[in-house]
Protein backbone atom coordinates (compact mmCIF):
# COMPACT_ATOMS: atom_id res chain seq x y z
CA MET A 1 0.00 0.00 0.00
CA ILE A 2 1.26 3.44 -0.93
CA GLU A 3 1.54 6.04 1.85
CA PRO A 4 -1.31 8.61 1.78
CA LEU A 5 -0.66 12.17 0.64
CA LYS A 6 -0.65 15.27 2.84
CA VAL A 7 -2.57 17.97 0.99
CA LEU A 8 -2.70 21.76 1.37
CA ILE A 9 -5.75 23.47 -0.13
CA VAL A 10 -5.43 27.07 -1.34
CA GLU A 11 -8.96 28.11 -2.32
CA ASP A 12 -10.93 31.28 -1.55
CA GLU A 13 -14.40 29.75 -1.89
CA ALA A 14 -15.17 28.04 1.43
CA LEU A 15 -17.73 25.61 0.01
CA LEU A 16 -15.31 24.44 -2.68
CA ALA A 17 -12.50 24.11 -0.13
CA MET A 18 -14.70 22.06 2.22
CA GLU A 19 -15.90 19.84 -0.62
CA LEU A 20 -12.31 19.31 -1.79
CA GLU A 21 -11.20 18.54 1.78
CA SER A 22 -13.98 15.97 2.08
CA LEU A 23 -13.04 14.31 -1.23
CA VAL A 24 -9.32 14.24 -0.34
CA GLU A 25 -10.10 12.60 3.01
CA GLU A 26 -12.58 10.20 1.39
CA ALA A 27 -9.73 9.08 -0.90
CA GLY A 28 -7.67 8.21 2.20
CA HIS A 29 -5.40 11.26 2.27
CA SER A 30 -5.10 14.02 4.88
CA VAL A 31 -5.57 17.77 4.57
CA VAL A 32 -2.91 19.68 6.51
CA GLY A 33 -4.82 22.94 6.16
CA TRP A 34 -6.41 25.42 3.83
CA ALA A 35 -5.81 29.03 2.99
CA THR A 36 -7.91 31.66 1.20
CA SER A 37 -5.28 34.31 0.37
CA SER A 38 -1.66 34.40 -0.74
CA ALA A 39 -0.49 35.56 2.73
CA GLU A 40 -2.35 32.72 4.46
CA ALA A 41 -1.05 30.23 1.89
CA LYS A 42 2.57 31.34 2.33
CA ALA A 43 2.22 31.11 6.12
CA MET A 44 0.77 27.59 5.76
CA VAL A 45 3.61 26.58 3.42
CA ASP A 46 6.10 27.78 6.03
CA SER A 47 4.39 26.01 8.96
CA THR A 48 3.12 22.71 7.51
CA GLU A 49 4.42 19.81 5.48
CA ALA A 50 2.36 18.91 2.44
CA ASP A 51 3.13 16.63 -0.49
CA ILE A 52 0.64 18.34 -2.79
CA ALA A 53 -0.84 21.84 -2.77
CA PHE A 54 -4.06 22.35 -4.71
CA VAL A 55 -3.94 26.05 -5.64
CA ASP A 56 -6.70 28.15 -7.19
CA ILE A 57 -5.51 31.02 -9.40
CA HIS A 58 -7.94 33.60 -7.98
CA LEU A 59 -7.80 34.05 -4.20
CA THR A 60 -9.37 36.61 -1.85
CA ASP A 61 -6.52 39.03 -2.60
CA GLY A 62 -6.86 38.70 -6.39
CA PRO A 63 -5.22 36.49 -9.01
CA THR A 64 -2.31 35.61 -6.69
CA GLY A 65 -2.36 31.81 -7.01
CA VAL A 66 0.56 31.95 -9.47
CA GLU A 67 2.65 33.81 -6.86
CA VAL A 68 1.74 31.15 -4.29
CA ALA A 69 2.83 28.40 -6.69
CA GLU A 70 6.15 30.15 -7.29
CA TYR A 71 6.65 30.57 -3.52
CA ILE A 72 6.00 26.87 -2.95
CA GLY A 73 8.39 26.06 -5.80
CA GLU A 74 11.14 28.13 -4.17
CA LYS A 75 10.62 26.24 -0.90
CA LYS A 76 10.62 22.92 -2.78
CA ASN A 77 8.50 21.31 -0.09
CA SER A 78 5.32 20.50 -2.07
CA MET A 79 4.18 19.85 -5.62
CA VAL A 80 1.61 22.34 -6.87
CA VAL A 81 -1.50 21.42 -8.83
CA PHE A 82 -3.55 24.37 -10.05
CA MET A 83 -7.32 23.98 -9.71
CA THR A 84 -8.99 26.68 -11.72
CA ALA A 85 -11.85 27.56 -14.01
CA ASN A 86 -9.41 29.87 -15.83
CA PRO A 87 -6.55 27.66 -17.11
CA LYS A 88 -5.59 30.41 -19.59
CA ARG A 89 -4.35 32.48 -16.61
CA ILE A 90 -1.62 29.93 -15.92
CA PRO A 91 1.72 31.04 -17.39
CA ASP A 92 3.24 28.84 -20.12
CA HIS A 93 5.88 27.58 -17.66
CA PHE A 94 3.08 26.71 -15.17
CA ALA A 95 4.96 28.67 -12.44
CA GLY A 96 6.62 25.40 -11.45
CA ALA A 97 3.32 23.53 -10.98
CA ILE A 98 3.08 19.90 -11.99
CA GLY A 99 -0.25 20.40 -13.72
CA VAL A 100 -3.80 21.69 -13.65
CA ILE A 101 -7.23 20.30 -12.88
CA ALA A 102 -9.90 22.34 -14.62
CA LYS A 103 -12.99 23.39 -12.66
CA PRO A 104 -15.62 22.23 -12.52
CA TYR A 105 -14.08 18.84 -11.81
CA THR A 106 -15.96 15.62 -11.18
CA MET A 107 -15.60 13.46 -8.09
CA ASN A 108 -14.31 10.59 -10.24
CA GLY A 109 -11.89 12.90 -12.04
CA LEU A 110 -10.51 14.20 -8.75
CA MET A 111 -10.19 10.69 -7.30
CA SER A 112 -8.30 9.55 -10.42
CA ALA A 113 -6.04 12.61 -10.23
CA LEU A 114 -5.30 11.92 -6.54
CA ARG A 115 -4.39 8.30 -7.32
CA TYR A 116 -2.15 9.45 -10.19
CA LEU A 117 -0.50 12.11 -8.01
CA GLN A 118 -0.02 9.66 -5.14
CA GLU A 119 1.82 7.27 -7.46
CA GLY A 120 3.88 10.14 -8.87
CA VAL A 121 4.88 11.48 -5.45
CA ARG A 122 5.48 8.15 -3.69
CA ARG A 123 6.76 5.94 -6.54
CA PRO A 124 7.54 8.11 -9.57
CA PRO A 125 6.69 8.01 -12.36
CA PRO A 126 2.97 7.19 -12.05
CA LYS A 127 1.87 3.82 -13.44
CA SER A 128 -1.73 4.94 -14.07
CA VAL A 129 -2.87 6.55 -17.27
CA LEU A 130 -3.09 10.35 -17.11
CA PRO A 131 -6.62 11.05 -15.81
CA ALA A 132 -9.14 12.94 -17.92
CA GLY A 133 -9.40 16.53 -16.75
CA PHE A 134 -5.79 16.61 -15.50
CA THR A 135 -3.23 18.38 -17.68
CA LEU A 136 0.47 17.93 -17.00
CA SER A 137 2.74 20.96 -17.26
CA PRO A 138 5.25 20.83 -20.14
CA ALA A 139 8.09 20.31 -17.63
CA PHE A 140 6.45 17.16 -16.24
CA GLU A 141 5.24 15.68 -19.54
CA THR A 142 8.69 14.23 -20.17
CA VAL A 143 9.18 13.02 -16.58
CA TRP A 144 5.66 11.74 -15.92
CA ALA A 145 4.72 10.75 -19.45
CA PRO A 146 1.37 9.00 -19.44
CA ALA A 147 1.59 5.23 -19.26
CA ALA A 148 1.21 3.55 -22.64
């Protein structure tokens, strides 16, 4: 059995954050916390250990999710997955993020993405096929190429 993931949620919409937390825990992983702004997210990054950070692009202090992703990347303590309804706002280099899950996502899509990410974090590269609704960043396409 693969060790569960520790997940940080960076999302300004409380209902979405709570739903995501519930789905993450239902999948057998733990949520180390959630933040609604870039300042809260940076403080959480500094005070918690997470394997994965699900980061929305638009937070309570504006479109600062990209800055949060870059901050996490500098710390090198978590992998970032953007979760956004606006994937066009993600820079071409993905700000160091591993990929993006487009909103609205489905429960099955999120569960598949979590399984794929768990494999990729714990026993890289993932053995599962790249889940529908999950787009790898160009930097990870070569490392985590979808299974044939």
